[in-house]
Amino acid sequence: MVDVKEFRAMQQEIAANDAKREQLIKDSRDVVVLSKKIIYSTHRSDMTNAKKFIVNIKKNIASLKKQAVKTDGLKNVGAYKVALQEYVEAIAFYEYVKNGTLTNKISLGVDTESYLLGICDLVGELTRYAVNSITRKDLDTPKKVLDFVQTIYGLMMEFDFRNSELRKKFDSIKYNLKKLEEINYDISIR
């Protein structure tokens, strides 16, 4: 005989996990949107709004992490991983612009891979920040950003990322670093 009750229970279990997964994906999208708002506000020197978004994103991240821990397999959902990376990028960019420092992994409460992926993305925002500073006649910021990115690049070169998403994103640092070097060269010959 087949235990029909057992199959019904498994059906309910799968449906419940699917609902939790869909909620996690929706909440992850909310984190990505807030991350973009933090970055946008920071680029515009609107630190008041950026700070408001940071308060919200920290609540969302805490909730998201609880959701992912409660259900097996949700930590591996792509949207969740992307949300963590975007969170790292946004907070790190804000902290760099505000304080000139790099936020550490522990204070963000994320795993190593999410942190490093977010830092790779941060370099792209820092390059944009350096370019935008020139349009504001701020010629000191590109040099500071270059020094900062060179330090990050030097430290990350010591890793063996192999052929992974992290390797691809790390490679993008080289291109941004080259762009920053060219920007600083152009400034120096003016």
C-alpha atoms as a PDB file:
ATOM      1  CA  MET A   1       0.000   0.000   0.000  1.00  0.00           C
ATOM      2  CA  VAL A   2       0.966   3.629  -0.499  1.00  0.00           C
ATOM      3  CA  ASP A   3       0.747   6.032   2.419  1.00  0.00           C
ATOM      4  CA  VAL A   4      -1.382   8.777   0.852  1.00  0.00           C
ATOM      5  CA  LYS A   5      -1.190  10.912   4.006  1.00  0.00           C
ATOM      6  CA  GLU A   6       2.589  10.967   3.771  1.00  0.00           C
ATOM      7  CA  PHE A   7       2.414  12.177   0.160  1.00  0.00           C
ATOM      8  CA  ARG A   8      -0.076  14.883   1.101  1.00  0.00           C
ATOM      9  CA  ALA A   9       2.225  16.026   3.917  1.00  0.00           C
ATOM     10  CA  MET A  10       5.190  16.188   1.508  1.00  0.00           C
ATOM     11  CA  GLN A  11       3.052  18.144  -0.951  1.00  0.00           C
ATOM     12  CA  GLN A  12       2.236  20.671   1.764  1.00  0.00           C
ATOM     13  CA  GLU A  13       5.882  20.845   2.805  1.00  0.00           C
ATOM     14  CA  ILE A  14       6.995  21.614  -0.747  1.00  0.00           C
ATOM     15  CA  ALA A  15       4.237  24.201  -1.209  1.00  0.00           C
ATOM     16  CA  ALA A  16       5.233  25.896   2.065  1.00  0.00           C
ATOM     17  CA  ASN A  17       8.914  25.959   1.031  1.00  0.00           C
ATOM     18  CA  ASP A  18       7.967  27.394  -2.376  1.00  0.00           C
ATOM     19  CA  ALA A  19       5.994  30.170  -0.671  1.00  0.00           C
ATOM     20  CA  LYS A  20       8.966  30.950   1.593  1.00  0.00           C
ATOM     21  CA  ARG A  21      11.280  30.979  -1.431  1.00  0.00           C
ATOM     22  CA  GLU A  22       9.019  33.400  -3.312  1.00  0.00           C
ATOM     23  CA  GLN A  23       8.889  35.680  -0.265  1.00  0.00           C
ATOM     24  CA  LEU A  24      12.675  35.558   0.023  1.00  0.00           C
ATOM     25  CA  ILE A  25      13.014  36.522  -3.647  1.00  0.00           C
ATOM     26  CA  LYS A  26      10.610  39.458  -3.207  1.00  0.00           C
ATOM     27  CA  ASP A  27      12.395  40.635  -0.063  1.00  0.00           C
ATOM     28  CA  SER A  28      15.752  40.270  -1.823  1.00  0.00           C
ATOM     29  CA  ARG A  29      14.534  42.559  -4.601  1.00  0.00           C
ATOM     30  CA  ASP A  30      13.590  45.119  -1.948  1.00  0.00           C
ATOM     31  CA  VAL A  31      17.169  45.018  -0.621  1.00  0.00           C
ATOM     32  CA  VAL A  32      18.552  45.514  -4.131  1.00  0.00           C
ATOM     33  CA  VAL A  33      16.288  48.550  -4.644  1.00  0.00           C
ATOM     34  CA  LEU A  34      17.377  50.060  -1.321  1.00  0.00           C
ATOM     35  CA  SER A  35      21.015  49.410  -2.217  1.00  0.00           C
ATOM     36  CA  LYS A  36      20.617  51.351  -5.435  1.00  0.00           C
ATOM     37  CA  LYS A  37      18.938  54.197  -3.547  1.00  0.00           C
ATOM     38  CA  ILE A  38      21.849  54.351  -1.086  1.00  0.00           C
ATOM     39  CA  ILE A  39      24.358  54.472  -3.922  1.00  0.00           C
ATOM     40  CA  TYR A  40      22.350  57.052  -5.873  1.00  0.00           C
ATOM     41  CA  SER A  41      21.933  59.290  -2.820  1.00  0.00           C
ATOM     42  CA  THR A  42      25.611  58.963  -1.923  1.00  0.00           C
ATOM     43  CA  HIS A  43      26.701  59.903  -5.444  1.00  0.00           C
ATOM     44  CA  ARG A  44      24.533  63.001  -5.120  1.00  0.00           C
ATOM     45  CA  SER A  45      26.003  63.828  -1.673  1.00  0.00           C
ATOM     46  CA  ASP A  46      22.540  63.382  -0.161  1.00  0.00           C
ATOM     47  CA  MET A  47      23.829  61.640   2.944  1.00  0.00           C
ATOM     48  CA  THR A  48      20.630  62.304   4.920  1.00  0.00           C
ATOM     49  CA  ASN A  49      18.541  60.203   2.552  1.00  0.00           C
ATOM     50  CA  ALA A  50      21.301  57.639   2.193  1.00  0.00           C
ATOM     51  CA  LYS A  51      21.334  57.213   5.983  1.00  0.00           C
ATOM     52  CA  LYS A  52      17.538  56.716   6.019  1.00  0.00           C
ATOM     53  CA  PHE A  53      17.854  54.022   3.373  1.00  0.00           C
ATOM     54  CA  ILE A  54      20.652  52.395   5.380  1.00  0.00           C
ATOM     55  CA  VAL A  55      18.406  52.121   8.433  1.00  0.00           C
ATOM     56  CA  ASN A  56      15.777  50.391   6.278  1.00  0.00           C
ATOM     57  CA  ILE A  57      18.198  48.090   4.494  1.00  0.00           C
ATOM     58  CA  LYS A  58      19.697  46.862   7.759  1.00  0.00           C
ATOM     59  CA  LYS A  59      16.228  45.842   8.953  1.00  0.00           C
ATOM     60  CA  ASN A  60      15.538  44.129   5.644  1.00  0.00           C
ATOM     61  CA  ILE A  61      18.860  42.279   5.676  1.00  0.00           C
ATOM     62  CA  ALA A  62      18.263  41.024   9.223  1.00  0.00           C
ATOM     63  CA  SER A  63      14.845  39.712   8.207  1.00  0.00           C
ATOM     64  CA  LEU A  64      16.205  38.212   5.002  1.00  0.00           C
ATOM     65  CA  LYS A  65      18.955  36.339   6.823  1.00  0.00           C
ATOM     66  CA  LYS A  66      16.434  34.929   9.304  1.00  0.00           C
ATOM     67  CA  GLN A  67      14.268  33.717   6.421  1.00  0.00           C
ATOM     68  CA  ALA A  68      17.224  32.064   4.702  1.00  0.00           C
ATOM     69  CA  VAL A  69      18.331  30.276   7.861  1.00  0.00           C
ATOM     70  CA  LYS A  70      14.853  28.959   8.731  1.00  0.00           C
ATOM     71  CA  THR A  71      14.407  27.014   5.507  1.00  0.00           C
ATOM     72  CA  ASP A  72      16.949  24.586   4.090  1.00  0.00           C
ATOM     73  CA  GLY A  73      18.290  25.581   0.714  1.00  0.00           C
ATOM     74  CA  LEU A  74      17.191  29.220   0.763  1.00  0.00           C
ATOM     75  CA  LYS A  75      20.735  30.414   1.400  1.00  0.00           C
ATOM     76  CA  ASN A  76      21.538  29.218  -2.115  1.00  0.00           C
ATOM     77  CA  VAL A  77      18.756  31.155  -3.852  1.00  0.00           C
ATOM     78  CA  GLY A  78      20.374  33.456  -6.414  1.00  0.00           C
ATOM     79  CA  ALA A  79      18.288  36.501  -5.489  1.00  0.00           C
ATOM     80  CA  TYR A  80      19.397  36.174  -1.860  1.00  0.00           C
ATOM     81  CA  LYS A  81      23.082  36.029  -2.824  1.00  0.00           C
ATOM     82  CA  VAL A  82      22.696  39.061  -5.089  1.00  0.00           C
ATOM     83  CA  ALA A  83      20.932  40.994  -2.315  1.00  0.00           C
ATOM     84  CA  LEU A  84      23.850  40.375   0.054  1.00  0.00           C
ATOM     85  CA  GLN A  85      26.373  41.535  -2.561  1.00  0.00           C
ATOM     86  CA  GLU A  86      24.391  44.683  -3.347  1.00  0.00           C
ATOM     87  CA  TYR A  87      24.059  45.383   0.365  1.00  0.00           C
ATOM     88  CA  VAL A  88      27.840  45.139   0.826  1.00  0.00           C
ATOM     89  CA  GLU A  89      28.455  47.378  -2.188  1.00  0.00           C
ATOM     90  CA  ALA A  90      26.011  50.057  -1.019  1.00  0.00           C
ATOM     91  CA  ILE A  91      27.151  50.224   2.599  1.00  0.00           C
ATOM     92  CA  ALA A  92      30.824  50.090   1.616  1.00  0.00           C
ATOM     93  CA  PHE A  93      30.365  52.899  -0.908  1.00  0.00           C
ATOM     94  CA  TYR A  94      28.553  55.072   1.639  1.00  0.00           C
ATOM     95  CA  GLU A  95      31.247  54.440   4.258  1.00  0.00           C
ATOM     96  CA  TYR A  96      34.038  55.206   1.821  1.00  0.00           C
ATOM     97  CA  VAL A  97      32.481  58.502   0.740  1.00  0.00           C
ATOM     98  CA  LYS A  98      31.633  59.476   4.305  1.00  0.00           C
ATOM     99  CA  ASN A  99      34.756  58.271   6.136  1.00  0.00           C
ATOM    100  CA  GLY A 100      37.316  57.167   3.552  1.00  0.00           C
ATOM    101  CA  THR A 101      37.356  53.653   5.001  1.00  0.00           C
ATOM    102  CA  LEU A 102      36.346  50.160   3.957  1.00  0.00           C
ATOM    103  CA  THR A 103      33.564  48.548   5.938  1.00  0.00           C
ATOM    104  CA  ASN A 104      34.622  45.168   7.271  1.00  0.00           C
ATOM    105  CA  LYS A 105      32.878  41.849   6.754  1.00  0.00           C
ATOM    106  CA  ILE A 106      32.060  41.321  10.418  1.00  0.00           C
ATOM    107  CA  SER A 107      30.208  44.620  10.792  1.00  0.00           C
ATOM    108  CA  LEU A 108      28.081  43.742   7.757  1.00  0.00           C
ATOM    109  CA  GLY A 109      27.380  40.233   9.032  1.00  0.00           C
ATOM    110  CA  VAL A 110      27.834  38.534   5.668  1.00  0.00           C
ATOM    111  CA  ASP A 111      29.777  35.518   4.458  1.00  0.00           C
ATOM    112  CA  THR A 112      33.203  35.895   2.832  1.00  0.00           C
ATOM    113  CA  GLU A 113      32.070  35.292  -0.743  1.00  0.00           C
ATOM    114  CA  SER A 114      29.229  37.844  -0.552  1.00  0.00           C
ATOM    115  CA  TYR A 115      31.596  40.362   0.997  1.00  0.00           C
ATOM    116  CA  LEU A 116      34.284  39.955  -1.650  1.00  0.00           C
ATOM    117  CA  LEU A 117      31.755  40.039  -4.506  1.00  0.00           C
ATOM    118  CA  GLY A 118      30.296  43.234  -3.070  1.00  0.00           C
ATOM    119  CA  ILE A 119      33.755  44.777  -2.754  1.00  0.00           C
ATOM    120  CA  CYS A 120      34.483  43.957  -6.399  1.00  0.00           C
ATOM    121  CA  ASP A 121      31.292  45.809  -7.333  1.00  0.00           C
ATOM    122  CA  LEU A 122      32.278  48.669  -5.020  1.00  0.00           C
ATOM    123  CA  VAL A 123      35.310  49.373  -7.200  1.00  0.00           C
ATOM    124  CA  GLY A 124      33.008  50.142 -10.129  1.00  0.00           C
ATOM    125  CA  GLU A 125      31.087  52.675  -8.042  1.00  0.00           C
ATOM    126  CA  LEU A 126      34.317  54.205  -6.784  1.00  0.00           C
ATOM    127  CA  THR A 127      35.511  54.636 -10.367  1.00  0.00           C
ATOM    128  CA  ARG A 128      32.253  56.370 -11.238  1.00  0.00           C
ATOM    129  CA  TYR A 129      32.642  58.513  -8.109  1.00  0.00           C
ATOM    130  CA  ALA A 130      36.152  59.540  -9.206  1.00  0.00           C
ATOM    131  CA  VAL A 131      34.923  60.467 -12.689  1.00  0.00           C
ATOM    132  CA  ASN A 132      32.020  62.472 -11.269  1.00  0.00           C
ATOM    133  CA  SER A 133      34.353  64.314  -8.893  1.00  0.00           C
ATOM    134  CA  ILE A 134      36.291  65.693 -11.861  1.00  0.00           C
ATOM    135  CA  THR A 135      33.129  67.261 -13.251  1.00  0.00           C
ATOM    136  CA  ARG A 136      32.791  69.029  -9.894  1.00  0.00           C
ATOM    137  CA  LYS A 137      36.384  70.325 -10.259  1.00  0.00           C
ATOM    138  CA  ASP A 138      37.506  68.078  -7.382  1.00  0.00           C
ATOM    139  CA  LEU A 139      40.862  66.792  -8.588  1.00  0.00           C
ATOM    140  CA  ASP A 140      41.972  65.270  -5.267  1.00  0.00           C
ATOM    141  CA  THR A 141      39.328  62.550  -5.067  1.00  0.00           C
ATOM    142  CA  PRO A 142      40.505  60.559  -8.125  1.00  0.00           C
ATOM    143  CA  LYS A 143      43.956  60.139  -6.553  1.00  0.00           C
ATOM    144  CA  LYS A 144      42.467  59.033  -3.228  1.00  0.00           C
ATOM    145  CA  VAL A 145      40.180  56.570  -4.993  1.00  0.00           C
ATOM    146  CA  LEU A 146      43.113  55.247  -7.043  1.00  0.00           C
ATOM    147  CA  ASP A 147      45.176  54.650  -3.900  1.00  0.00           C
ATOM    148  CA  PHE A 148      42.230  52.937  -2.213  1.00  0.00           C
ATOM    149  CA  VAL A 149      41.476  50.687  -5.204  1.00  0.00           C
ATOM    150  CA  GLN A 150      45.166  49.814  -5.596  1.00  0.00           C
ATOM    151  CA  THR A 151      45.176  48.629  -1.987  1.00  0.00           C
ATOM    152  CA  ILE A 152      42.056  46.507  -2.525  1.00  0.00           C
ATOM    153  CA  TYR A 153      43.463  45.079  -5.745  1.00  0.00           C
ATOM    154  CA  GLY A 154      46.788  44.249  -4.118  1.00  0.00           C
ATOM    155  CA  LEU A 155      45.088  42.412  -1.270  1.00  0.00           C
ATOM    156  CA  MET A 156      42.690  40.537  -3.534  1.00  0.00           C
ATOM    157  CA  MET A 157      45.516  39.441  -5.847  1.00  0.00           C
ATOM    158  CA  GLU A 158      46.692  37.204  -3.012  1.00  0.00           C
ATOM    159  CA  PHE A 159      43.555  35.046  -3.333  1.00  0.00           C
ATOM    160  CA  ASP A 160      43.230  32.068  -5.671  1.00  0.00           C
ATOM    161  CA  PHE A 161      39.717  32.590  -7.000  1.00  0.00           C
ATOM    162  CA  ARG A 162      39.922  29.998  -9.769  1.00  0.00           C
ATOM    163  CA  ASN A 163      37.286  30.086 -12.473  1.00  0.00           C
ATOM    164  CA  SER A 164      34.234  31.392 -10.634  1.00  0.00           C
ATOM    165  CA  GLU A 165      31.936  34.388 -10.376  1.00  0.00           C
ATOM    166  CA  LEU A 166      34.398  35.887  -7.921  1.00  0.00           C
ATOM    167  CA  ARG A 167      37.214  35.480 -10.457  1.00  0.00           C
ATOM    168  CA  LYS A 168      35.208  37.302 -13.129  1.00  0.00           C
ATOM    169  CA  LYS A 169      34.307  40.158 -10.800  1.00  0.00           C
ATOM    170  CA  PHE A 170      37.880  40.377  -9.551  1.00  0.00           C
ATOM    171  CA  ASP A 171      39.055  40.718 -13.149  1.00  0.00           C
ATOM    172  CA  SER A 172      36.777  43.751 -13.511  1.00  0.00           C
ATOM    173  CA  ILE A 173      38.830  45.491 -10.813  1.00  0.00           C
ATOM    174  CA  LYS A 174      41.803  45.476 -13.217  1.00  0.00           C
ATOM    175  CA  TYR A 175      39.826  47.373 -15.838  1.00  0.00           C
ATOM    176  CA  ASN A 176      38.567  49.919 -13.330  1.00  0.00           C
ATOM    177  CA  LEU A 177      42.068  50.308 -11.944  1.00  0.00           C
ATOM    178  CA  LYS A 178      43.392  50.988 -15.434  1.00  0.00           C
ATOM    179  CA  LYS A 179      40.671  53.600 -15.952  1.00  0.00           C
ATOM    180  CA  LEU A 180      41.552  55.275 -12.643  1.00  0.00           C
ATOM    181  CA  GLU A 181      45.226  55.319 -13.580  1.00  0.00           C
ATOM    182  CA  GLU A 182      44.380  56.960 -16.918  1.00  0.00           C
ATOM    183  CA  ILE A 183      42.187  59.540 -15.197  1.00  0.00           C
ATOM    184  CA  ASN A 184      44.954  60.400 -12.760  1.00  0.00           C
ATOM    185  CA  TYR A 185      47.497  60.605 -15.560  1.00  0.00           C
ATOM    186  CA  ASP A 186      45.251  63.019 -17.467  1.00  0.00           C
ATOM    187  CA  ILE A 187      44.886  65.158 -14.349  1.00  0.00           C
ATOM    188  CA  SER A 188      48.661  65.211 -13.814  1.00  0.00           C
ATOM    189  CA  ILE A 189      49.432  66.532 -17.285  1.00  0.00           C
ATOM    190  CA  ARG A 190      46.947  69.394 -17.093  1.00  0.00           C
END
